[in-house]
Every structure is written in structure tokens, then in C-alpha cells.
């Protein structure tokens, strides 16, 4: 495996529940500072070290002997490893004085890496998303998406920024599934913290076809690019179309509206070459709703469950009039 620019072999962290969070992430600045301080001989007292899970390992029972590992993963220690590389670049002589605590577990159980990773990752805050990063469903989605030309980031900062493949963030996919498949765009905006919590099994259902999820992911990327382009135009152009502010709030409602439009056309989800037409129709409808409720806060309009009903009304499903709470 080719080493990346930072000198770390990323494949050794595949079973870690987090990618590197950056020098400012977690306690990484402190880790680096501790490594190059005058008291860096205390490093192993102040740092949790790294935890390795291997199929097997061998060594000679004597001080200073080499340890040979078979098929190993660093399940805890991504932040320490990357931070030490940064520290080495700053002061390689200081790093040579460091003693690092390393724990090695030998097991052939397929689930042991995940169990140890969750149990030992306590140095930086663990989010529900982190805890699900190595879930079998997440791995299945990642493998299927790769075959379809997409990189699925089941954990934060998993891939290099210069990759040529489009990246799909697992949290964003969860929000898209909520908005499109489950038809709850307001929940996608207001309940994102629960996507990898209480709502996880409902959103990432084992019954969902991964090719269908890939189409949702591609639609998400298409709508997201449109949103970003419009917001950039609004910020930088003096001739930006007036009244497009709602675009910044309506991403998940665009997906929901496209779902309803597709169903009216007898489709489960549009083909990629139809995305532009369906998005245009969705933008026209939601733009009308935004204009009708311009006196009210767009922030509240697109967080309300009632906006679903307004979209249905535009599509001919009933007539309603109300104010937003």
C-alpha cells in the first residue's frame, strides 16, 4: 500500500472508528505539544498510547526484542499517530526520546476490533456516527458505492481531499434518506443528531437496496452542488437573481419534492440524466412557497413539518392555509 503525504499508511486504521481529526481536532494540538516539550519523557504517562488488534503476534521474551504482527489494525491511536508525525516534522530529535504505550490484542474474532475500538476511544468525544462507522451496513454501503464510482465516508476525514471520486458523507446520506425515502425533510434538518442514534435502524434499513441508495446519494450531490452554486452566486454577484435566499434552507425539501414529482410520473427515483429537470420543477414549486411566506422566517418555514403539506398542495394534494409556529 502506498503511503500518503503524511507518511502514514491509512489502511492500518481501517478498523478505527475515526479518521484523523486534524491538528485542531480533539486533543491533537496538546498531543503534539506534549511530544516536543521539555518534559516529553512523561509522554507515556499523559497519553493513552495506541491499541492494536492482530490475528497473531510473536516476539522473543527479552527486552528490546522485535514484535511481529500478523494482519493488524490500529483500532485506537489515529490521533496520536498523526500528531506524532506532525511533531516529528517539527523536531525529530525530541521525538526520539518518547516512550509510547502500546497495547496489543491477538484475536481472530471478526467483531473484536469494533468492540475494542469503541471501548478504548475515549480521548476525544465520540459521536453516535463514530460508533456506527464500522457497522456491517455501513461497510456494505461503502463497498457497493465504491463499485459504483463513489467514495462513502462512513467516518469523518476518511479519504484524501484530492481524490478524483465523488465523496458521500454518511451523515448527509442519512439526512437524504430521511428526506427522500422516508419523506421527512424537516426531520433531516432538525433531527440529524438522531440519525446514528434512535433513528439508525429505520434510516439505514437492511432492506434498502444499495443501488437505490447510490441513486439517492447522486441526487444528494447534484442538489448540493446546485445549492452551493446558488449561494456562491448570491454572495459574489451583483446580478444574482433576487429571492433565492430560500435555497440555503431548502436542500432537504428539494429532495422531498423530487420524490413526489417522480412518484406522480410513475418513477421510484429519477435517472441521473433527469435530475436537472426534476430539480428545476422542485425549485419552481418551493420558490413559490417561499414567496408566499416571505414575511415569515425562512429558518422556521423549512424546519416545520407543515411545509411538507404546502408542497403536497402545490402538487394538488389538498388545500390548506396556516401560519408557522
C-alpha atoms as a PDB file:
ATOM      1  CA  UNK A   1       0.000   0.000   0.000  1.00  0.00           C
ATOM      2  CA  UNK A   2       1.294   3.426  -0.930  1.00  0.00           C
ATOM      3  CA  UNK A   3       1.903   5.803   1.940  1.00  0.00           C
ATOM      4  CA  UNK A   4       0.086   9.139   1.807  1.00  0.00           C
ATOM      5  CA  UNK A   5       1.780  12.516   2.008  1.00  0.00           C
ATOM      6  CA  UNK A   6       1.831  12.450   5.791  1.00  0.00           C
ATOM      7  CA  UNK A   7       3.850   9.241   5.932  1.00  0.00           C
ATOM      8  CA  UNK A   8       1.048   7.167   7.448  1.00  0.00           C
ATOM      9  CA  UNK A   9      -0.408   4.041   5.885  1.00  0.00           C
ATOM     10  CA  UNK A  10      -4.117   4.733   6.074  1.00  0.00           C
ATOM     11  CA  UNK A  11      -5.126   1.096   5.638  1.00  0.00           C
ATOM     12  CA  UNK A  12      -3.748   0.375   9.125  1.00  0.00           C
ATOM     13  CA  UNK A  13      -6.612   2.485  10.534  1.00  0.00           C
ATOM     14  CA  UNK A  14      -9.490   0.906   8.606  1.00  0.00           C
ATOM     15  CA  UNK A  15     -10.999  -0.523  11.807  1.00  0.00           C
ATOM     16  CA  UNK A  16     -10.531   2.695  13.772  1.00  0.00           C
ATOM     17  CA  UNK A  17     -13.867   4.427  14.319  1.00  0.00           C
ATOM     18  CA  UNK A  18     -12.397   7.858  13.448  1.00  0.00           C
ATOM     19  CA  UNK A  19     -10.117   9.252  10.827  1.00  0.00           C
ATOM     20  CA  UNK A  20      -7.600  11.949  11.744  1.00  0.00           C
ATOM     21  CA  UNK A  21      -9.480  14.987  13.087  1.00  0.00           C
ATOM     22  CA  UNK A  22      -6.773  17.490  12.156  1.00  0.00           C
ATOM     23  CA  UNK A  23      -4.289  19.350  14.317  1.00  0.00           C
ATOM     24  CA  UNK A  24      -7.123  21.377  15.838  1.00  0.00           C
ATOM     25  CA  UNK A  25      -9.370  18.352  16.365  1.00  0.00           C
ATOM     26  CA  UNK A  26      -9.839  16.723  19.756  1.00  0.00           C
ATOM     27  CA  UNK A  27      -6.655  16.896  21.813  1.00  0.00           C
ATOM     28  CA  UNK A  28      -4.262  16.733  18.872  1.00  0.00           C
ATOM     29  CA  UNK A  29      -2.603  20.097  19.464  1.00  0.00           C
ATOM     30  CA  UNK A  30      -1.919  19.049  23.050  1.00  0.00           C
ATOM     31  CA  UNK A  31      -0.545  15.698  21.914  1.00  0.00           C
ATOM     32  CA  UNK A  32       1.911  17.413  19.583  1.00  0.00           C
ATOM     33  CA  UNK A  33       2.919  19.986  22.208  1.00  0.00           C
ATOM     34  CA  UNK A  34       3.480  17.269  24.788  1.00  0.00           C
ATOM     35  CA  UNK A  35       5.641  15.305  22.331  1.00  0.00           C
ATOM     36  CA  UNK A  36       8.076  18.168  21.693  1.00  0.00           C
ATOM     37  CA  UNK A  37       8.058  19.728  25.169  1.00  0.00           C
ATOM     38  CA  UNK A  38      10.976  19.671  27.592  1.00  0.00           C
ATOM     39  CA  UNK A  39       9.013  17.151  29.676  1.00  0.00           C
ATOM     40  CA  UNK A  40       8.301  14.799  26.784  1.00  0.00           C
ATOM     41  CA  UNK A  41       9.851  11.944  28.783  1.00  0.00           C
ATOM     42  CA  UNK A  42       6.476  11.986  30.567  1.00  0.00           C
ATOM     43  CA  UNK A  43       4.592  11.470  27.289  1.00  0.00           C
ATOM     44  CA  UNK A  44       3.566   7.910  28.012  1.00  0.00           C
ATOM     45  CA  UNK A  45       2.027   8.981  31.320  1.00  0.00           C
ATOM     46  CA  UNK A  46      -0.017  11.713  29.635  1.00  0.00           C
ATOM     47  CA  UNK A  47      -1.182   9.848  26.534  1.00  0.00           C
ATOM     48  CA  UNK A  48      -3.393   6.807  26.102  1.00  0.00           C
ATOM     49  CA  UNK A  49      -0.976   5.414  23.519  1.00  0.00           C
ATOM     50  CA  UNK A  50      -2.228   3.157  20.752  1.00  0.00           C
ATOM     51  CA  UNK A  51      -4.187  -0.075  20.730  1.00  0.00           C
ATOM     52  CA  UNK A  52      -3.531  -2.756  18.128  1.00  0.00           C
ATOM     53  CA  UNK A  53      -5.595  -5.795  17.240  1.00  0.00           C
ATOM     54  CA  UNK A  54      -3.831  -8.534  15.267  1.00  0.00           C
ATOM     55  CA  UNK A  55      -4.675 -12.054  14.181  1.00  0.00           C
ATOM     56  CA  UNK A  56      -1.473 -13.161  15.858  1.00  0.00           C
ATOM     57  CA  UNK A  57       1.878 -11.839  17.051  1.00  0.00           C
ATOM     58  CA  UNK A  58       5.212 -13.243  18.140  1.00  0.00           C
ATOM     59  CA  UNK A  59       8.261 -11.962  19.995  1.00  0.00           C
ATOM     60  CA  UNK A  60      11.256 -13.101  21.959  1.00  0.00           C
ATOM     61  CA  UNK A  61      10.807 -12.815  25.744  1.00  0.00           C
ATOM     62  CA  UNK A  62      13.617 -10.319  26.188  1.00  0.00           C
ATOM     63  CA  UNK A  63      13.862  -6.556  26.491  1.00  0.00           C
ATOM     64  CA  UNK A  64      14.125  -4.729  23.174  1.00  0.00           C
ATOM     65  CA  UNK A  65      13.080  -7.662  21.001  1.00  0.00           C
ATOM     66  CA  UNK A  66      11.063  -7.064  17.848  1.00  0.00           C
ATOM     67  CA  UNK A  67       7.369  -7.891  17.773  1.00  0.00           C
ATOM     68  CA  UNK A  68       5.991  -9.436  14.599  1.00  0.00           C
ATOM     69  CA  UNK A  69       2.307  -8.772  13.916  1.00  0.00           C
ATOM     70  CA  UNK A  70       0.015 -10.628  11.517  1.00  0.00           C
ATOM     71  CA  UNK A  71      -2.848  -8.749   9.805  1.00  0.00           C
ATOM     72  CA  UNK A  72      -3.036  -5.964  12.349  1.00  0.00           C
ATOM     73  CA  UNK A  73      -5.129  -2.818  12.740  1.00  0.00           C
ATOM     74  CA  UNK A  74      -4.607   0.236  14.940  1.00  0.00           C
ATOM     75  CA  UNK A  75      -8.101   0.473  16.422  1.00  0.00           C
ATOM     76  CA  UNK A  76      -7.268   3.299  18.808  1.00  0.00           C
ATOM     77  CA  UNK A  77      -4.482   5.806  18.241  1.00  0.00           C
ATOM     78  CA  UNK A  78      -5.166   7.598  14.946  1.00  0.00           C
ATOM     79  CA  UNK A  79      -4.929  10.990  16.653  1.00  0.00           C
ATOM     80  CA  UNK A  80      -1.730  10.027  18.498  1.00  0.00           C
ATOM     81  CA  UNK A  81      -0.125   8.554  15.361  1.00  0.00           C
ATOM     82  CA  UNK A  82      -0.826  11.549  13.133  1.00  0.00           C
ATOM     83  CA  UNK A  83       0.082  14.028  15.873  1.00  0.00           C
ATOM     84  CA  UNK A  84       3.441  12.312  16.412  1.00  0.00           C
ATOM     85  CA  UNK A  85       4.155  12.529  12.682  1.00  0.00           C
ATOM     86  CA  UNK A  86       3.455  16.282  12.863  1.00  0.00           C
ATOM     87  CA  UNK A  87       5.680  16.536  15.926  1.00  0.00           C
ATOM     88  CA  UNK A  88       8.472  14.616  14.182  1.00  0.00           C
ATOM     89  CA  UNK A  89       8.397  17.094  11.325  1.00  0.00           C
ATOM     90  CA  UNK A  90       8.801  19.924  13.827  1.00  0.00           C
ATOM     91  CA  UNK A  91      11.544  18.367  15.946  1.00  0.00           C
ATOM     92  CA  UNK A  92      12.715  14.833  15.055  1.00  0.00           C
ATOM     93  CA  UNK A  93      15.345  14.796  17.795  1.00  0.00           C
ATOM     94  CA  UNK A  94      12.767  15.363  20.501  1.00  0.00           C
ATOM     95  CA  UNK A  95      10.577  12.549  19.183  1.00  0.00           C
ATOM     96  CA  UNK A  96      13.430  10.070  19.574  1.00  0.00           C
ATOM     97  CA  UNK A  97      13.150  10.487  23.347  1.00  0.00           C
ATOM     98  CA  UNK A  98       9.489   9.497  23.535  1.00  0.00           C
ATOM     99  CA  UNK A  99       8.253   6.253  25.037  1.00  0.00           C
ATOM    100  CA  UNK A 100       4.830   5.281  23.715  1.00  0.00           C
ATOM    101  CA  UNK A 101       2.446   2.887  25.429  1.00  0.00           C
ATOM    102  CA  UNK A 102       1.228   0.188  23.008  1.00  0.00           C
ATOM    103  CA  UNK A 103      -1.412  -2.429  23.792  1.00  0.00           C
ATOM    104  CA  UNK A 104      -1.646  -5.470  21.513  1.00  0.00           C
ATOM    105  CA  UNK A 105      -4.569  -7.878  21.402  1.00  0.00           C
ATOM    106  CA  UNK A 106      -4.468 -11.112  19.425  1.00  0.00           C
ATOM    107  CA  UNK A 107      -7.812 -12.437  18.212  1.00  0.00           C
ATOM    108  CA  UNK A 108      -9.371 -13.903  15.080  1.00  0.00           C
ATOM    109  CA  UNK A 109     -12.904 -12.845  16.034  1.00  0.00           C
ATOM    110  CA  UNK A 110     -14.333 -10.619  13.287  1.00  0.00           C
ATOM    111  CA  UNK A 111     -16.113  -8.331  15.730  1.00  0.00           C
ATOM    112  CA  UNK A 112     -13.314  -7.842  18.222  1.00  0.00           C
ATOM    113  CA  UNK A 113     -11.759  -4.807  16.515  1.00  0.00           C
ATOM    114  CA  UNK A 114     -15.049  -2.891  16.657  1.00  0.00           C
ATOM    115  CA  UNK A 115     -15.657  -3.816  20.298  1.00  0.00           C
ATOM    116  CA  UNK A 116     -12.163  -2.756  21.371  1.00  0.00           C
ATOM    117  CA  UNK A 117     -12.271   0.399  19.247  1.00  0.00           C
ATOM    118  CA  UNK A 118     -15.493   1.549  20.913  1.00  0.00           C
ATOM    119  CA  UNK A 119     -14.266   0.612  24.385  1.00  0.00           C
ATOM    120  CA  UNK A 120     -10.888   2.332  24.098  1.00  0.00           C
ATOM    121  CA  UNK A 121     -11.662   5.500  22.109  1.00  0.00           C
ATOM    122  CA  UNK A 122     -12.212   7.929  24.946  1.00  0.00           C
ATOM    123  CA  UNK A 123      -9.569  10.613  24.438  1.00  0.00           C
ATOM    124  CA  UNK A 124     -11.740  12.732  22.121  1.00  0.00           C
ATOM    125  CA  UNK A 125     -15.514  12.973  22.091  1.00  0.00           C
ATOM    126  CA  UNK A 126     -17.164  10.031  20.337  1.00  0.00           C
ATOM    127  CA  UNK A 127     -20.314  10.834  18.405  1.00  0.00           C
ATOM    128  CA  UNK A 128     -23.040   8.290  17.577  1.00  0.00           C
ATOM    129  CA  UNK A 129     -21.804   8.426  14.000  1.00  0.00           C
ATOM    130  CA  UNK A 130     -18.336   7.331  15.143  1.00  0.00           C
ATOM    131  CA  UNK A 131     -19.795   4.352  16.973  1.00  0.00           C
ATOM    132  CA  UNK A 132     -21.579   3.154  13.830  1.00  0.00           C
ATOM    133  CA  UNK A 133     -18.636   3.712  11.468  1.00  0.00           C
ATOM    134  CA  UNK A 134     -17.734   0.017  11.347  1.00  0.00           C
ATOM    135  CA  UNK A 135     -21.279  -1.301  11.438  1.00  0.00           C
ATOM    136  CA  UNK A 136     -21.852  -4.029   8.845  1.00  0.00           C
ATOM    137  CA  UNK A 137     -24.437  -1.937   6.996  1.00  0.00           C
ATOM    138  CA  UNK A 138     -22.030   0.993   6.731  1.00  0.00           C
ATOM    139  CA  UNK A 139     -19.312  -1.282   5.364  1.00  0.00           C
ATOM    140  CA  UNK A 140     -21.762  -2.814   2.881  1.00  0.00           C
ATOM    141  CA  UNK A 141     -22.756   0.632   1.603  1.00  0.00           C
ATOM    142  CA  UNK A 142     -19.116   1.677   1.292  1.00  0.00           C
ATOM    143  CA  UNK A 143     -18.185  -1.412  -0.731  1.00  0.00           C
ATOM    144  CA  UNK A 144     -21.193  -1.099  -3.039  1.00  0.00           C
ATOM    145  CA  UNK A 145     -20.676   2.638  -3.574  1.00  0.00           C
ATOM    146  CA  UNK A 146     -17.032   2.099  -4.493  1.00  0.00           C
ATOM    147  CA  UNK A 147     -18.106  -0.331  -7.205  1.00  0.00           C
ATOM    148  CA  UNK A 148     -20.408   2.425  -8.496  1.00  0.00           C
ATOM    149  CA  UNK A 149     -17.681   5.083  -8.511  1.00  0.00           C
ATOM    150  CA  UNK A 150     -18.484   6.785  -5.203  1.00  0.00           C
ATOM    151  CA  UNK A 151     -16.434   7.103  -2.027  1.00  0.00           C
ATOM    152  CA  UNK A 152     -18.617   6.624   1.022  1.00  0.00           C
ATOM    153  CA  UNK A 153     -17.167   8.334   4.080  1.00  0.00           C
ATOM    154  CA  UNK A 154     -18.508   6.199   6.902  1.00  0.00           C
ATOM    155  CA  UNK A 155     -16.135   8.009   9.257  1.00  0.00           C
ATOM    156  CA  UNK A 156     -15.003  11.594   9.269  1.00  0.00           C
ATOM    157  CA  UNK A 157     -11.984  12.602   7.182  1.00  0.00           C
ATOM    158  CA  UNK A 158     -11.637   9.077   5.852  1.00  0.00           C
ATOM    159  CA  UNK A 159     -10.292   9.930   2.408  1.00  0.00           C
ATOM    160  CA  UNK A 160      -7.722  12.306   0.960  1.00  0.00           C
ATOM    161  CA  UNK A 161      -9.145  15.597  -0.232  1.00  0.00           C
ATOM    162  CA  UNK A 162      -7.578  15.216  -3.685  1.00  0.00           C
ATOM    163  CA  UNK A 163      -9.436  12.022  -4.603  1.00  0.00           C
ATOM    164  CA  UNK A 164     -10.966  12.107  -8.090  1.00  0.00           C
ATOM    165  CA  UNK A 165     -14.075  10.198  -6.997  1.00  0.00           C
ATOM    166  CA  UNK A 166     -17.087  11.987  -5.558  1.00  0.00           C
ATOM    167  CA  UNK A 167     -17.402  11.624  -1.794  1.00  0.00           C
ATOM    168  CA  UNK A 168     -20.651  10.901   0.008  1.00  0.00           C
ATOM    169  CA  UNK A 169     -20.719  11.718   3.714  1.00  0.00           C
ATOM    170  CA  UNK A 170     -22.557   9.109   5.796  1.00  0.00           C
ATOM    171  CA  UNK A 171     -24.407  11.740   7.845  1.00  0.00           C
ATOM    172  CA  UNK A 172     -25.531  13.539   4.689  1.00  0.00           C
ATOM    173  CA  UNK A 173     -26.711  10.251   3.196  1.00  0.00           C
ATOM    174  CA  UNK A 174     -28.728   9.595   6.341  1.00  0.00           C
ATOM    175  CA  UNK A 175     -30.339  13.019   6.000  1.00  0.00           C
ATOM    176  CA  UNK A 176     -31.070  12.352   2.326  1.00  0.00           C
ATOM    177  CA  UNK A 177     -32.705   9.009   3.149  1.00  0.00           C
ATOM    178  CA  UNK A 178     -34.862  10.789   5.740  1.00  0.00           C
ATOM    179  CA  UNK A 179     -35.884  13.478   3.261  1.00  0.00           C
ATOM    180  CA  UNK A 180     -36.333  11.343   0.138  1.00  0.00           C
ATOM    181  CA  UNK A 181     -37.108   7.765   1.092  1.00  0.00           C
ATOM    182  CA  UNK A 182     -38.871   8.392   4.420  1.00  0.00           C
ATOM    183  CA  UNK A 183     -40.367  11.705   3.233  1.00  0.00           C
ATOM    184  CA  UNK A 184     -39.383  13.655   6.355  1.00  0.00           C
ATOM    185  CA  UNK A 185     -37.379  16.658   5.103  1.00  0.00           C
ATOM    186  CA  UNK A 186     -37.979  18.628   8.307  1.00  0.00           C
ATOM    187  CA  UNK A 187     -36.513  15.756  10.355  1.00  0.00           C
ATOM    188  CA  UNK A 188     -33.468  15.700   8.080  1.00  0.00           C
ATOM    189  CA  UNK A 189     -32.850  19.297   9.124  1.00  0.00           C
ATOM    190  CA  UNK A 190     -33.877  19.213  12.800  1.00  0.00           C
ATOM    191  CA  UNK A 191     -33.040  15.666  13.954  1.00  0.00           C
ATOM    192  CA  UNK A 192     -29.665  14.998  12.358  1.00  0.00           C
ATOM    193  CA  UNK A 193     -28.203  14.101  15.773  1.00  0.00           C
ATOM    194  CA  UNK A 194     -30.512  11.081  15.931  1.00  0.00           C
ATOM    195  CA  UNK A 195     -29.601   9.632  12.529  1.00  0.00           C
ATOM    196  CA  UNK A 196     -26.940   7.410  14.086  1.00  0.00           C
ATOM    197  CA  UNK A 197     -28.873   7.177  17.334  1.00  0.00           C
ATOM    198  CA  UNK A 198     -32.534   6.345  17.832  1.00  0.00           C
ATOM    199  CA  UNK A 199     -33.386   6.595  14.111  1.00  0.00           C
ATOM    200  CA  UNK A 200     -30.471   4.500  12.847  1.00  0.00           C
ATOM    201  CA  UNK A 201     -32.217   1.184  12.105  1.00  0.00           C
ATOM    202  CA  UNK A 202     -35.146   2.961  10.477  1.00  0.00           C
ATOM    203  CA  UNK A 203     -32.915   5.054   8.201  1.00  0.00           C
ATOM    204  CA  UNK A 204     -30.192   2.557   7.347  1.00  0.00           C
ATOM    205  CA  UNK A 205     -32.583  -0.337   6.941  1.00  0.00           C
ATOM    206  CA  UNK A 206     -31.150  -3.672   5.877  1.00  0.00           C
ATOM    207  CA  UNK A 207     -33.997  -3.904   3.358  1.00  0.00           C
ATOM    208  CA  UNK A 208     -32.812  -0.924   1.299  1.00  0.00           C
ATOM    209  CA  UNK A 209     -31.130  -1.777  -1.988  1.00  0.00           C
ATOM    210  CA  UNK A 210     -27.651  -0.231  -2.148  1.00  0.00           C
ATOM    211  CA  UNK A 211     -28.144   0.724  -5.815  1.00  0.00           C
ATOM    212  CA  UNK A 212     -31.187   2.716  -4.774  1.00  0.00           C
ATOM    213  CA  UNK A 213     -29.126   4.349  -2.023  1.00  0.00           C
ATOM    214  CA  UNK A 214     -26.445   5.177  -4.582  1.00  0.00           C
ATOM    215  CA  UNK A 215     -29.056   6.980  -6.703  1.00  0.00           C
ATOM    216  CA  UNK A 216     -30.195   8.923  -3.654  1.00  0.00           C
ATOM    217  CA  UNK A 217     -26.545   9.760  -2.964  1.00  0.00           C
ATOM    218  CA  UNK A 218     -26.030  11.027  -6.523  1.00  0.00           C
ATOM    219  CA  UNK A 219     -29.201  13.097  -6.295  1.00  0.00           C
ATOM    220  CA  UNK A 220     -27.952  14.491  -2.976  1.00  0.00           C
ATOM    221  CA  UNK A 221     -24.665  15.513  -4.586  1.00  0.00           C
ATOM    222  CA  UNK A 222     -26.487  17.092  -7.536  1.00  0.00           C
ATOM    223  CA  UNK A 223     -28.840  19.102  -5.326  1.00  0.00           C
ATOM    224  CA  UNK A 224     -25.980  20.036  -3.003  1.00  0.00           C
ATOM    225  CA  UNK A 225     -23.931  21.367  -5.928  1.00  0.00           C
ATOM    226  CA  UNK A 226     -26.889  23.434  -7.116  1.00  0.00           C
ATOM    227  CA  UNK A 227     -27.332  24.841  -3.615  1.00  0.00           C
ATOM    228  CA  UNK A 228     -23.643  25.705  -3.291  1.00  0.00           C
ATOM    229  CA  UNK A 229     -23.569  27.353  -6.743  1.00  0.00           C
ATOM    230  CA  UNK A 230     -26.608  29.494  -5.963  1.00  0.00           C
ATOM    231  CA  UNK A 231     -25.258  30.595  -2.596  1.00  0.00           C
ATOM    232  CA  UNK A 232     -21.885  31.458  -4.115  1.00  0.00           C
ATOM    233  CA  UNK A 233     -23.627  33.471  -6.823  1.00  0.00           C
ATOM    234  CA  UNK A 234     -25.674  35.302  -4.207  1.00  0.00           C
ATOM    235  CA  UNK A 235     -22.528  36.231  -2.264  1.00  0.00           C
ATOM    236  CA  UNK A 236     -20.303  37.252  -5.152  1.00  0.00           C
ATOM    237  CA  UNK A 237     -22.530  38.537  -7.950  1.00  0.00           C
ATOM    238  CA  UNK A 238     -24.237  41.891  -8.096  1.00  0.00           C
ATOM    239  CA  UNK A 239     -26.680  40.457 -10.636  1.00  0.00           C
ATOM    240  CA  UNK A 240     -27.750  37.423  -8.598  1.00  0.00           C
ATOM    241  CA  UNK A 241     -31.408  36.595  -9.007  1.00  0.00           C
ATOM    242  CA  UNK A 242     -33.396  38.195  -6.163  1.00  0.00           C
ATOM    243  CA  UNK A 243     -35.349  35.989  -3.800  1.00  0.00           C
ATOM    244  CA  UNK A 244     -33.072  32.931  -3.913  1.00  0.00           C
ATOM    245  CA  UNK A 245     -32.214  33.081  -0.215  1.00  0.00           C
ATOM    246  CA  UNK A 246     -34.571  30.160   0.418  1.00  0.00           C
ATOM    247  CA  UNK A 247     -32.169  27.845  -1.440  1.00  0.00           C
ATOM    248  CA  UNK A 248     -29.881  27.831   1.578  1.00  0.00           C
ATOM    249  CA  UNK A 249     -32.660  26.376   3.744  1.00  0.00           C
ATOM    250  CA  UNK A 250     -34.476  24.083   1.318  1.00  0.00           C
ATOM    251  CA  UNK A 251     -31.981  21.349   0.364  1.00  0.00           C
ATOM    252  CA  UNK A 252     -33.939  18.523   2.016  1.00  0.00           C
ATOM    253  CA  UNK A 253     -37.272  19.839   0.759  1.00  0.00           C
ATOM    254  CA  UNK A 254     -35.891  19.795  -2.782  1.00  0.00           C
ATOM    255  CA  UNK A 255     -35.254  16.061  -2.338  1.00  0.00           C
ATOM    256  CA  UNK A 256     -38.723  15.531  -0.896  1.00  0.00           C
ATOM    257  CA  UNK A 257     -40.390  17.454  -3.707  1.00  0.00           C
ATOM    258  CA  UNK A 258     -38.437  15.497  -6.319  1.00  0.00           C
ATOM    259  CA  UNK A 259     -39.641  12.275  -4.659  1.00  0.00           C
ATOM    260  CA  UNK A 260     -43.289  13.358  -5.021  1.00  0.00           C
ATOM    261  CA  UNK A 261     -42.768  14.558  -8.585  1.00  0.00           C
ATOM    262  CA  UNK A 262     -41.142  11.255  -9.517  1.00  0.00           C
ATOM    263  CA  UNK A 263     -44.000   9.292  -7.976  1.00  0.00           C
ATOM    264  CA  UNK A 264     -46.532  11.310  -9.992  1.00  0.00           C
ATOM    265  CA  UNK A 265     -44.562  10.316 -13.076  1.00  0.00           C
ATOM    266  CA  UNK A 266     -44.611   6.663 -12.037  1.00  0.00           C
ATOM    267  CA  UNK A 267     -40.930   6.576 -11.033  1.00  0.00           C
ATOM    268  CA  UNK A 268     -39.315   5.389  -7.822  1.00  0.00           C
ATOM    269  CA  UNK A 269     -36.395   7.768  -8.340  1.00  0.00           C
ATOM    270  CA  UNK A 270     -35.350   9.747 -11.451  1.00  0.00           C
ATOM    271  CA  UNK A 271     -32.419   8.649 -13.577  1.00  0.00           C
ATOM    272  CA  UNK A 272     -29.262  10.734 -13.338  1.00  0.00           C
ATOM    273  CA  UNK A 273     -29.886  12.399 -16.708  1.00  0.00           C
ATOM    274  CA  UNK A 274     -33.301  13.527 -15.400  1.00  0.00           C
ATOM    275  CA  UNK A 275     -32.005  15.189 -12.243  1.00  0.00           C
ATOM    276  CA  UNK A 276     -31.764  18.651 -13.775  1.00  0.00           C
ATOM    277  CA  UNK A 277     -35.366  18.697 -14.993  1.00  0.00           C
ATOM    278  CA  UNK A 278     -36.768  17.365 -11.723  1.00  0.00           C
ATOM    279  CA  UNK A 279     -34.720  19.795  -9.664  1.00  0.00           C
ATOM    280  CA  UNK A 280     -35.899  22.705 -11.817  1.00  0.00           C
ATOM    281  CA  UNK A 281     -39.528  21.718 -11.217  1.00  0.00           C
ATOM    282  CA  UNK A 282     -38.902  21.318  -7.486  1.00  0.00           C
ATOM    283  CA  UNK A 283     -37.172  24.703  -7.240  1.00  0.00           C
ATOM    284  CA  UNK A 284     -40.089  26.391  -9.044  1.00  0.00           C
ATOM    285  CA  UNK A 285     -42.605  24.917  -6.604  1.00  0.00           C
ATOM    286  CA  UNK A 286     -40.646  25.615  -3.444  1.00  0.00           C
ATOM    287  CA  UNK A 287     -39.752  29.107  -4.669  1.00  0.00           C
ATOM    288  CA  UNK A 288     -43.478  29.825  -4.891  1.00  0.00           C
ATOM    289  CA  UNK A 289     -43.966  28.619  -1.304  1.00  0.00           C
ATOM    290  CA  UNK A 290     -41.048  30.763  -0.124  1.00  0.00           C
ATOM    291  CA  UNK A 291     -42.535  33.854  -1.806  1.00  0.00           C
ATOM    292  CA  UNK A 292     -45.957  33.221  -0.282  1.00  0.00           C
ATOM    293  CA  UNK A 293     -44.404  33.027   3.199  1.00  0.00           C
ATOM    294  CA  UNK A 294     -41.717  35.659   2.714  1.00  0.00           C
ATOM    295  CA  UNK A 295     -42.969  37.639   5.727  1.00  0.00           C
ATOM    296  CA  UNK A 296     -42.182  34.672   7.945  1.00  0.00           C
ATOM    297  CA  UNK A 297     -38.731  33.367   8.865  1.00  0.00           C
ATOM    298  CA  UNK A 298     -37.348  31.014   6.212  1.00  0.00           C
ATOM    299  CA  UNK A 299     -35.453  29.294   9.009  1.00  0.00           C
ATOM    300  CA  UNK A 300     -38.768  28.373  10.638  1.00  0.00           C
ATOM    301  CA  UNK A 301     -40.571  27.606   7.391  1.00  0.00           C
ATOM    302  CA  UNK A 302     -38.073  24.908   6.426  1.00  0.00           C
ATOM    303  CA  UNK A 303     -37.907  23.407   9.889  1.00  0.00           C
ATOM    304  CA  UNK A 304     -41.650  22.944  10.118  1.00  0.00           C
ATOM    305  CA  UNK A 305     -43.435  19.672   9.323  1.00  0.00           C
ATOM    306  CA  UNK A 306     -46.188  21.781   7.775  1.00  0.00           C
ATOM    307  CA  UNK A 307     -44.034  22.669   4.778  1.00  0.00           C
ATOM    308  CA  UNK A 308     -44.487  19.110   3.552  1.00  0.00           C
ATOM    309  CA  UNK A 309     -48.186  19.811   3.306  1.00  0.00           C
ATOM    310  CA  UNK A 310     -47.576  23.013   1.369  1.00  0.00           C
ATOM    311  CA  UNK A 311     -45.548  21.075  -1.173  1.00  0.00           C
ATOM    312  CA  UNK A 312     -48.319  18.491  -1.439  1.00  0.00           C
ATOM    313  CA  UNK A 313     -50.795  21.303  -2.006  1.00  0.00           C
ATOM    314  CA  UNK A 314     -48.688  22.622  -4.881  1.00  0.00           C
ATOM    315  CA  UNK A 315     -48.845  19.154  -6.364  1.00  0.00           C
ATOM    316  CA  UNK A 316     -52.622  19.062  -5.996  1.00  0.00           C
ATOM    317  CA  UNK A 317     -52.966  17.028  -2.803  1.00  0.00           C
ATOM    318  CA  UNK A 318     -55.470  19.110  -0.801  1.00  0.00           C
ATOM    319  CA  UNK A 319     -55.774  22.762   0.141  1.00  0.00           C
ATOM    320  CA  UNK A 320     -54.516  24.277   3.394  1.00  0.00           C
ATOM    321  CA  UNK A 321     -53.869  27.659   4.924  1.00  0.00           C
ATOM    322  CA  UNK A 322     -51.998  28.209   8.176  1.00  0.00           C
ATOM    323  CA  UNK A 323     -49.263  30.156   9.888  1.00  0.00           C
ATOM    324  CA  UNK A 324     -45.955  28.752  11.116  1.00  0.00           C
ATOM    325  CA  UNK A 325     -45.452  28.486  14.866  1.00  0.00           C
END
